[in-house]
Amino acid sequence: MHREYQKWFSEQLGRDMELLIFGHSGRAVLLFPTRMARFYDYENWGIVNALSTQIENGELQLFCVDSVDGESFYNQAVFPSVRMDRHLQYERYIIDEVLPLMHQKNQSNWIETAGFSMGAYHAINLSMKHPQLFKKTVGISGRYDLTDSPGPFNDLLNGFRNELVYFNMPAQYLPNLHDDNIISNMKHMEIILAVGEKDPFLNSNKNLSEQLWAKGISNHFYTWDNHAHQPHYWRKMAPLYI
């Protein structure tokens, strides 16, 4: 399997960023890490290996990016508006720096987003905001409103709300979305949501699926037995959905 390491100084983030590329051709997958995880964790957890057949056959090419969650949503040392600003800088890094690299390395004209847990939030939010850029999006074990407090999980913005928060929480902005062009692009994108039936994020997934259908946007919603919020399950889910 082709494996390539990339590192450069990000102008958007003001620091070095790293990523790993697996595969040589096929559908390009922008794979976001879990909560405060690193770009190499999916390899360490066996998820890349679970996709090895598709990768080696030239069907998939993974771009495993790093996160800045510890500097954004999980940085309790700064005010919530600063956390949001850092998240948006990360989004610009993805769009302005990572996507051009993906187009340079991959000629398939197919880019999809995917992620597990917090990575699912990033994958779904980015694709919903910029559906013209992607053919498919996959969210596994994700929470799509980070201001909710399901089960043991807290509101990551400590009650703070403003326009930027609203427009980065899919479960909030989707019901009020009326832009025909964005909705049309979303209708042309394959959307997959998967979550465990005992996962605290189950309702978040159900609600998002229902909100999409209410806009006439088709999507696939799958529930798994038990919690299903661990690499053991994700290794089984990745080949089915990504």
C-alpha atoms as a PDB file:
ATOM      1  CA  MET A   1       0.000   0.000   0.000  1.00  0.00           C
ATOM      2  CA  HIS A   2       1.301   3.434  -0.921  1.00  0.00           C
ATOM      3  CA  ARG A   3       1.826   5.528   2.236  1.00  0.00           C
ATOM      4  CA  GLU A   4       2.931   9.150   2.107  1.00  0.00           C
ATOM      5  CA  TYR A   5       3.628  11.633   4.898  1.00  0.00           C
ATOM      6  CA  GLN A   6       3.104  15.361   4.361  1.00  0.00           C
ATOM      7  CA  LYS A   7       3.983  18.296   6.601  1.00  0.00           C
ATOM      8  CA  TRP A   8       3.964  22.022   5.951  1.00  0.00           C
ATOM      9  CA  PHE A   9       3.534  25.339   7.720  1.00  0.00           C
ATOM     10  CA  SER A  10      -0.121  26.312   7.471  1.00  0.00           C
ATOM     11  CA  GLU A  11      -0.685  29.974   6.698  1.00  0.00           C
ATOM     12  CA  GLN A  12      -4.265  29.666   7.924  1.00  0.00           C
ATOM     13  CA  LEU A  13      -3.351  28.152  11.299  1.00  0.00           C
ATOM     14  CA  GLY A  14       0.062  29.691  11.836  1.00  0.00           C
ATOM     15  CA  ARG A  15       1.737  26.402  12.670  1.00  0.00           C
ATOM     16  CA  ASP A  16       2.950  23.145  11.156  1.00  0.00           C
ATOM     17  CA  MET A  17       0.277  20.644  10.148  1.00  0.00           C
ATOM     18  CA  GLU A  18       0.714  16.982   9.235  1.00  0.00           C
ATOM     19  CA  LEU A  19      -1.265  14.377   7.341  1.00  0.00           C
ATOM     20  CA  LEU A  20      -0.959  10.884   5.903  1.00  0.00           C
ATOM     21  CA  ILE A  21      -2.023   9.674   2.456  1.00  0.00           C
ATOM     22  CA  PHE A  22      -2.854   6.020   1.850  1.00  0.00           C
ATOM     23  CA  GLY A  23      -3.342   4.693  -1.667  1.00  0.00           C
ATOM     24  CA  HIS A  24      -2.525   5.815  -5.181  1.00  0.00           C
ATOM     25  CA  SER A  25      -5.881   6.398  -6.900  1.00  0.00           C
ATOM     26  CA  GLY A  26      -9.644   6.087  -6.641  1.00  0.00           C
ATOM     27  CA  ARG A  27     -12.181   8.111  -4.683  1.00  0.00           C
ATOM     28  CA  ALA A  28     -10.368  10.676  -2.533  1.00  0.00           C
ATOM     29  CA  VAL A  29     -11.511  10.556   1.091  1.00  0.00           C
ATOM     30  CA  LEU A  30     -10.865  13.469   3.432  1.00  0.00           C
ATOM     31  CA  LEU A  31     -10.805  11.599   6.759  1.00  0.00           C
ATOM     32  CA  PHE A  32     -11.158  13.674   9.946  1.00  0.00           C
ATOM     33  CA  PRO A  33      -9.822  12.322  13.260  1.00  0.00           C
ATOM     34  CA  THR A  34     -11.818  11.719  16.417  1.00  0.00           C
ATOM     35  CA  ARG A  35     -11.887  14.091  19.401  1.00  0.00           C
ATOM     36  CA  MET A  36      -8.419  15.627  19.843  1.00  0.00           C
ATOM     37  CA  ALA A  37      -6.933  12.630  18.017  1.00  0.00           C
ATOM     38  CA  ARG A  38      -4.045  12.713  15.570  1.00  0.00           C
ATOM     39  CA  PHE A  39      -3.614  12.092  11.870  1.00  0.00           C
ATOM     40  CA  TYR A  40      -1.984   8.692  12.498  1.00  0.00           C
ATOM     41  CA  ASP A  41      -4.613   7.252  14.846  1.00  0.00           C
ATOM     42  CA  TYR A  42      -6.796   5.620  12.182  1.00  0.00           C
ATOM     43  CA  GLU A  43      -3.726   3.732  11.009  1.00  0.00           C
ATOM     44  CA  ASN A  44      -2.862   2.693  14.578  1.00  0.00           C
ATOM     45  CA  TRP A  45      -6.456   1.586  15.262  1.00  0.00           C
ATOM     46  CA  GLY A  46      -6.575  -0.681  12.212  1.00  0.00           C
ATOM     47  CA  ILE A  47      -9.171   1.331  10.334  1.00  0.00           C
ATOM     48  CA  VAL A  48      -6.841   1.998   7.412  1.00  0.00           C
ATOM     49  CA  ASN A  49      -6.089  -1.726   7.300  1.00  0.00           C
ATOM     50  CA  ALA A  50      -9.833  -2.453   7.280  1.00  0.00           C
ATOM     51  CA  LEU A  51      -9.974  -0.509   4.010  1.00  0.00           C
ATOM     52  CA  SER A  52      -6.787  -2.037   2.591  1.00  0.00           C
ATOM     53  CA  THR A  53      -8.474  -4.065  -0.147  1.00  0.00           C
ATOM     54  CA  GLN A  54     -10.167  -0.995  -1.631  1.00  0.00           C
ATOM     55  CA  ILE A  55      -7.012   1.079  -1.194  1.00  0.00           C
ATOM     56  CA  GLU A  56      -4.697  -1.448  -2.825  1.00  0.00           C
ATOM     57  CA  ASN A  57      -7.180  -1.997  -5.679  1.00  0.00           C
ATOM     58  CA  GLY A  58      -7.077   1.718  -6.483  1.00  0.00           C
ATOM     59  CA  GLU A  59     -10.687   2.298  -5.398  1.00  0.00           C
ATOM     60  CA  LEU A  60      -9.918   4.570  -2.433  1.00  0.00           C
ATOM     61  CA  GLN A  61      -7.260   7.087  -1.510  1.00  0.00           C
ATOM     62  CA  LEU A  62      -7.337   8.277   2.116  1.00  0.00           C
ATOM     63  CA  PHE A  63      -6.133  11.681   3.272  1.00  0.00           C
ATOM     64  CA  CYS A  64      -5.943  11.449   7.068  1.00  0.00           C
ATOM     65  CA  VAL A  65      -5.704  14.996   8.399  1.00  0.00           C
ATOM     66  CA  ASP A  66      -4.763  16.224  11.853  1.00  0.00           C
ATOM     67  CA  SER A  67      -7.085  18.154  14.168  1.00  0.00           C
ATOM     68  CA  VAL A  68      -6.875  21.330  16.219  1.00  0.00           C
ATOM     69  CA  ASP A  69      -9.789  20.427  18.512  1.00  0.00           C
ATOM     70  CA  GLY A  70      -7.594  21.030  21.546  1.00  0.00           C
ATOM     71  CA  GLU A  71      -7.134  24.615  20.345  1.00  0.00           C
ATOM     72  CA  SER A  72     -10.758  25.150  19.341  1.00  0.00           C
ATOM     73  CA  PHE A  73     -13.821  23.426  20.787  1.00  0.00           C
ATOM     74  CA  TYR A  74     -11.982  21.707  23.637  1.00  0.00           C
ATOM     75  CA  ASN A  75      -9.860  24.670  24.676  1.00  0.00           C
ATOM     76  CA  GLN A  76     -11.547  25.658  27.940  1.00  0.00           C
ATOM     77  CA  ALA A  77      -8.803  28.201  28.630  1.00  0.00           C
ATOM     78  CA  VAL A  78     -10.172  30.676  26.075  1.00  0.00           C
ATOM     79  CA  PHE A  79     -13.542  32.336  25.549  1.00  0.00           C
ATOM     80  CA  PRO A  80     -15.984  30.370  23.327  1.00  0.00           C
ATOM     81  CA  SER A  81     -15.838  32.971  20.543  1.00  0.00           C
ATOM     82  CA  VAL A  82     -12.081  32.390  20.329  1.00  0.00           C
ATOM     83  CA  ARG A  83     -12.718  28.641  20.069  1.00  0.00           C
ATOM     84  CA  MET A  84     -15.075  29.276  17.146  1.00  0.00           C
ATOM     85  CA  ASP A  85     -12.539  31.516  15.422  1.00  0.00           C
ATOM     86  CA  ARG A  86      -9.908  28.793  15.691  1.00  0.00           C
ATOM     87  CA  HIS A  87     -12.318  26.240  14.268  1.00  0.00           C
ATOM     88  CA  LEU A  88     -12.983  28.494  11.265  1.00  0.00           C
ATOM     89  CA  GLN A  89      -9.233  28.899  10.719  1.00  0.00           C
ATOM     90  CA  TYR A  90      -9.041  25.101  10.655  1.00  0.00           C
ATOM     91  CA  GLU A  91     -11.826  25.002   8.094  1.00  0.00           C
ATOM     92  CA  ARG A  92      -9.914  27.466   5.898  1.00  0.00           C
ATOM     93  CA  TYR A  93      -6.820  25.274   6.243  1.00  0.00           C
ATOM     94  CA  ILE A  94      -8.823  22.318   4.958  1.00  0.00           C
ATOM     95  CA  ILE A  95     -10.382  24.198   2.035  1.00  0.00           C
ATOM     96  CA  ASP A  96      -7.431  26.383   0.999  1.00  0.00           C
ATOM     97  CA  GLU A  97      -4.528  24.021   1.723  1.00  0.00           C
ATOM     98  CA  VAL A  98      -5.640  20.384   1.992  1.00  0.00           C
ATOM     99  CA  LEU A  99      -8.182  20.257  -0.832  1.00  0.00           C
ATOM    100  CA  PRO A 100      -5.692  21.625  -3.404  1.00  0.00           C
ATOM    101  CA  LEU A 101      -3.245  18.901  -2.325  1.00  0.00           C
ATOM    102  CA  MET A 102      -5.978  16.302  -2.777  1.00  0.00           C
ATOM    103  CA  HIS A 103      -6.704  17.543  -6.300  1.00  0.00           C
ATOM    104  CA  GLN A 104      -2.982  17.480  -7.052  1.00  0.00           C
ATOM    105  CA  LYS A 105      -2.546  13.911  -5.802  1.00  0.00           C
ATOM    106  CA  ASN A 106      -5.831  12.493  -7.094  1.00  0.00           C
ATOM    107  CA  GLN A 107      -7.330  12.782 -10.572  1.00  0.00           C
ATOM    108  CA  SER A 108     -10.664  11.058  -9.907  1.00  0.00           C
ATOM    109  CA  ASN A 109     -12.752  14.246  -9.560  1.00  0.00           C
ATOM    110  CA  TRP A 110     -14.383  12.581  -6.533  1.00  0.00           C
ATOM    111  CA  ILE A 111     -13.794  13.931  -3.048  1.00  0.00           C
ATOM    112  CA  GLU A 112     -15.769  12.818  -0.034  1.00  0.00           C
ATOM    113  CA  THR A 113     -15.577  13.693   3.629  1.00  0.00           C
ATOM    114  CA  ALA A 114     -15.700  11.117   6.393  1.00  0.00           C
ATOM    115  CA  GLY A 115     -15.055  10.870  10.093  1.00  0.00           C
ATOM    116  CA  PHE A 116     -15.821   9.087  13.339  1.00  0.00           C
ATOM    117  CA  SER A 117     -17.056  10.734  16.563  1.00  0.00           C
ATOM    118  CA  MET A 118     -15.813  14.366  16.511  1.00  0.00           C
ATOM    119  CA  GLY A 119     -14.462  13.673  13.048  1.00  0.00           C
ATOM    120  CA  ALA A 120     -18.012  12.966  11.920  1.00  0.00           C
ATOM    121  CA  TYR A 121     -19.026  16.458  13.018  1.00  0.00           C
ATOM    122  CA  HIS A 122     -16.216  17.971  10.939  1.00  0.00           C
ATOM    123  CA  ALA A 123     -17.060  15.812   7.918  1.00  0.00           C
ATOM    124  CA  ILE A 124     -20.786  16.536   7.971  1.00  0.00           C
ATOM    125  CA  ASN A 125     -20.522  20.227   8.835  1.00  0.00           C
ATOM    126  CA  LEU A 126     -17.960  20.956   6.120  1.00  0.00           C
ATOM    127  CA  SER A 127     -19.899  19.084   3.447  1.00  0.00           C
ATOM    128  CA  MET A 128     -23.216  20.693   4.406  1.00  0.00           C
ATOM    129  CA  LYS A 129     -21.685  24.170   4.209  1.00  0.00           C
ATOM    130  CA  HIS A 130     -19.841  23.490   0.946  1.00  0.00           C
ATOM    131  CA  PRO A 131     -21.761  20.699  -0.839  1.00  0.00           C
ATOM    132  CA  GLN A 132     -20.519  21.839  -4.236  1.00  0.00           C
ATOM    133  CA  LEU A 133     -17.050  20.593  -3.273  1.00  0.00           C
ATOM    134  CA  PHE A 134     -17.965  17.016  -2.373  1.00  0.00           C
ATOM    135  CA  LYS A 135     -19.646  13.958  -3.870  1.00  0.00           C
ATOM    136  CA  LYS A 136     -20.272  12.134  -0.613  1.00  0.00           C
ATOM    137  CA  THR A 137     -20.122  12.569   3.149  1.00  0.00           C
ATOM    138  CA  VAL A 138     -20.024   9.928   5.890  1.00  0.00           C
ATOM    139  CA  GLY A 139     -20.598  10.600   9.585  1.00  0.00           C
ATOM    140  CA  ILE A 140     -20.125   7.689  11.996  1.00  0.00           C
ATOM    141  CA  SER A 141     -20.858   8.018  15.731  1.00  0.00           C
ATOM    142  CA  GLY A 142     -21.146  11.794  15.368  1.00  0.00           C
ATOM    143  CA  ARG A 143     -22.779  14.680  17.237  1.00  0.00           C
ATOM    144  CA  TYR A 144     -24.124  17.404  14.936  1.00  0.00           C
ATOM    145  CA  ASP A 145     -24.889  20.125  17.455  1.00  0.00           C
ATOM    146  CA  LEU A 146     -21.942  20.670  19.775  1.00  0.00           C
ATOM    147  CA  THR A 147     -24.051  22.959  21.974  1.00  0.00           C
ATOM    148  CA  ASP A 148     -26.236  20.027  23.022  1.00  0.00           C
ATOM    149  CA  SER A 149     -25.491  18.049  26.184  1.00  0.00           C
ATOM    150  CA  PRO A 150     -26.448  14.416  25.507  1.00  0.00           C
ATOM    151  CA  GLY A 151     -25.685  11.973  28.289  1.00  0.00           C
ATOM    152  CA  PRO A 152     -22.227  12.619  29.769  1.00  0.00           C
ATOM    153  CA  PHE A 153     -21.250  15.086  27.020  1.00  0.00           C
ATOM    154  CA  ASN A 154     -21.195  18.818  27.683  1.00  0.00           C
ATOM    155  CA  ASP A 155     -22.041  21.878  25.617  1.00  0.00           C
ATOM    156  CA  LEU A 156     -18.619  22.607  24.115  1.00  0.00           C
ATOM    157  CA  LEU A 157     -19.333  26.347  24.006  1.00  0.00           C
ATOM    158  CA  ASN A 158     -20.544  26.716  27.604  1.00  0.00           C
ATOM    159  CA  GLY A 159     -23.834  28.370  26.685  1.00  0.00           C
ATOM    160  CA  PHE A 160     -22.271  30.914  24.340  1.00  0.00           C
ATOM    161  CA  ARG A 161     -24.262  31.568  21.154  1.00  0.00           C
ATOM    162  CA  ASN A 162     -23.753  33.825  18.159  1.00  0.00           C
ATOM    163  CA  GLU A 163     -24.182  33.694  14.395  1.00  0.00           C
ATOM    164  CA  LEU A 164     -20.934  31.808  13.838  1.00  0.00           C
ATOM    165  CA  VAL A 165     -21.984  29.112  16.296  1.00  0.00           C
ATOM    166  CA  TYR A 166     -25.361  28.801  14.590  1.00  0.00           C
ATOM    167  CA  PHE A 167     -23.888  28.454  11.117  1.00  0.00           C
ATOM    168  CA  ASN A 168     -21.518  25.699  12.249  1.00  0.00           C
ATOM    169  CA  MET A 169     -24.056  23.425  13.915  1.00  0.00           C
ATOM    170  CA  PRO A 170     -25.809  21.417  11.153  1.00  0.00           C
ATOM    171  CA  ALA A 171     -28.754  20.521  13.387  1.00  0.00           C
ATOM    172  CA  GLN A 172     -29.370  24.244  13.936  1.00  0.00           C
ATOM    173  CA  TYR A 173     -28.954  25.748  10.476  1.00  0.00           C
ATOM    174  CA  LEU A 174     -30.368  22.943   8.350  1.00  0.00           C
ATOM    175  CA  PRO A 175     -34.073  23.415   9.290  1.00  0.00           C
ATOM    176  CA  ASN A 176     -33.840  27.085   8.256  1.00  0.00           C
ATOM    177  CA  LEU A 177     -31.864  26.464   5.066  1.00  0.00           C
ATOM    178  CA  HIS A 178     -33.731  27.836   2.036  1.00  0.00           C
ATOM    179  CA  ASP A 179     -30.907  28.475  -0.449  1.00  0.00           C
ATOM    180  CA  ASP A 180     -32.011  26.552  -3.544  1.00  0.00           C
ATOM    181  CA  ASN A 181     -28.474  26.258  -4.893  1.00  0.00           C
ATOM    182  CA  ILE A 182     -27.074  24.765  -1.667  1.00  0.00           C
ATOM    183  CA  ILE A 183     -30.032  22.408  -1.316  1.00  0.00           C
ATOM    184  CA  SER A 184     -29.655  21.306  -4.943  1.00  0.00           C
ATOM    185  CA  ASN A 185     -25.968  20.532  -4.410  1.00  0.00           C
ATOM    186  CA  MET A 186     -26.798  18.619  -1.232  1.00  0.00           C
ATOM    187  CA  LYS A 187     -29.335  16.547  -3.159  1.00  0.00           C
ATOM    188  CA  HIS A 188     -26.538  15.451  -5.498  1.00  0.00           C
ATOM    189  CA  MET A 189     -24.311  14.382  -2.611  1.00  0.00           C
ATOM    190  CA  GLU A 190     -24.465  10.902  -1.084  1.00  0.00           C
ATOM    191  CA  ILE A 191     -25.023  11.256   2.661  1.00  0.00           C
ATOM    192  CA  ILE A 192     -24.487   8.426   5.161  1.00  0.00           C
ATOM    193  CA  LEU A 193     -25.064   8.549   8.913  1.00  0.00           C
ATOM    194  CA  ALA A 194     -24.337   5.578  11.193  1.00  0.00           C
ATOM    195  CA  VAL A 195     -24.487   5.318  14.980  1.00  0.00           C
ATOM    196  CA  GLY A 196     -24.965   2.795  17.766  1.00  0.00           C
ATOM    197  CA  GLU A 197     -28.463   2.343  19.195  1.00  0.00           C
ATOM    198  CA  LYS A 198     -27.127   3.029  22.705  1.00  0.00           C
ATOM    199  CA  ASP A 199     -24.854   5.901  21.676  1.00  0.00           C
ATOM    200  CA  PRO A 200     -25.761   9.208  23.404  1.00  0.00           C
ATOM    201  CA  PHE A 201     -25.574  10.772  19.940  1.00  0.00           C
ATOM    202  CA  LEU A 202     -28.352   8.561  18.541  1.00  0.00           C
ATOM    203  CA  ASN A 203     -30.992  11.313  18.662  1.00  0.00           C
ATOM    204  CA  SER A 204     -28.618  13.773  17.033  1.00  0.00           C
ATOM    205  CA  ASN A 205     -28.301  11.405  14.076  1.00  0.00           C
ATOM    206  CA  LYS A 206     -32.027  10.679  13.893  1.00  0.00           C
ATOM    207  CA  ASN A 207     -32.867  14.373  13.968  1.00  0.00           C
ATOM    208  CA  LEU A 208     -30.333  15.270  11.287  1.00  0.00           C
ATOM    209  CA  SER A 209     -31.607  12.507   9.000  1.00  0.00           C
ATOM    210  CA  GLU A 210     -35.180  13.716   9.473  1.00  0.00           C
ATOM    211  CA  GLN A 211     -34.173  17.332   8.831  1.00  0.00           C
ATOM    212  CA  LEU A 212     -32.514  16.304   5.571  1.00  0.00           C
ATOM    213  CA  TRP A 213     -35.582  14.360   4.425  1.00  0.00           C
ATOM    214  CA  ALA A 214     -37.767  17.367   5.284  1.00  0.00           C
ATOM    215  CA  LYS A 215     -35.726  19.353   2.741  1.00  0.00           C
ATOM    216  CA  GLY A 216     -36.102  16.599   0.145  1.00  0.00           C
ATOM    217  CA  ILE A 217     -32.472  15.566   0.614  1.00  0.00           C
ATOM    218  CA  SER A 218     -32.065  11.797   0.540  1.00  0.00           C
ATOM    219  CA  ASN A 219     -29.736  10.161   3.036  1.00  0.00           C
ATOM    220  CA  HIS A 220     -28.914   6.759   4.490  1.00  0.00           C
ATOM    221  CA  PHE A 221     -29.275   6.310   8.252  1.00  0.00           C
ATOM    222  CA  TYR A 222     -27.985   3.138   9.918  1.00  0.00           C
ATOM    223  CA  THR A 223     -28.122   2.043  13.553  1.00  0.00           C
ATOM    224  CA  TRP A 224     -25.812  -0.551  15.063  1.00  0.00           C
ATOM    225  CA  ASP A 225     -26.207  -2.752  18.109  1.00  0.00           C
ATOM    226  CA  ASN A 226     -25.014  -1.455  21.463  1.00  0.00           C
ATOM    227  CA  HIS A 227     -22.822   1.620  21.854  1.00  0.00           C
ATOM    228  CA  ALA A 228     -20.718   1.066  18.693  1.00  0.00           C
ATOM    229  CA  HIS A 229     -18.535   4.069  19.545  1.00  0.00           C
ATOM    230  CA  GLN A 230     -15.164   2.312  19.469  1.00  0.00           C
ATOM    231  CA  PRO A 231     -12.522   1.354  16.887  1.00  0.00           C
ATOM    232  CA  HIS A 232     -13.644  -2.269  17.201  1.00  0.00           C
ATOM    233  CA  TYR A 233     -16.941  -1.285  15.578  1.00  0.00           C
ATOM    234  CA  TRP A 234     -15.470   1.353  13.283  1.00  0.00           C
ATOM    235  CA  ARG A 235     -13.224  -1.226  11.636  1.00  0.00           C
ATOM    236  CA  LYS A 236     -16.407  -3.022  10.549  1.00  0.00           C
ATOM    237  CA  MET A 237     -18.289   0.125   9.574  1.00  0.00           C
ATOM    238  CA  ALA A 238     -15.568   1.774   7.489  1.00  0.00           C
ATOM    239  CA  PRO A 239     -15.614  -0.708   4.559  1.00  0.00           C
ATOM    240  CA  LEU A 240     -19.421  -0.605   4.457  1.00  0.00           C
ATOM    241  CA  TYR A 241     -19.897   3.133   4.359  1.00  0.00           C
ATOM    242  CA  ILE A 242     -16.680   4.889   3.274  1.00  0.00           C
END
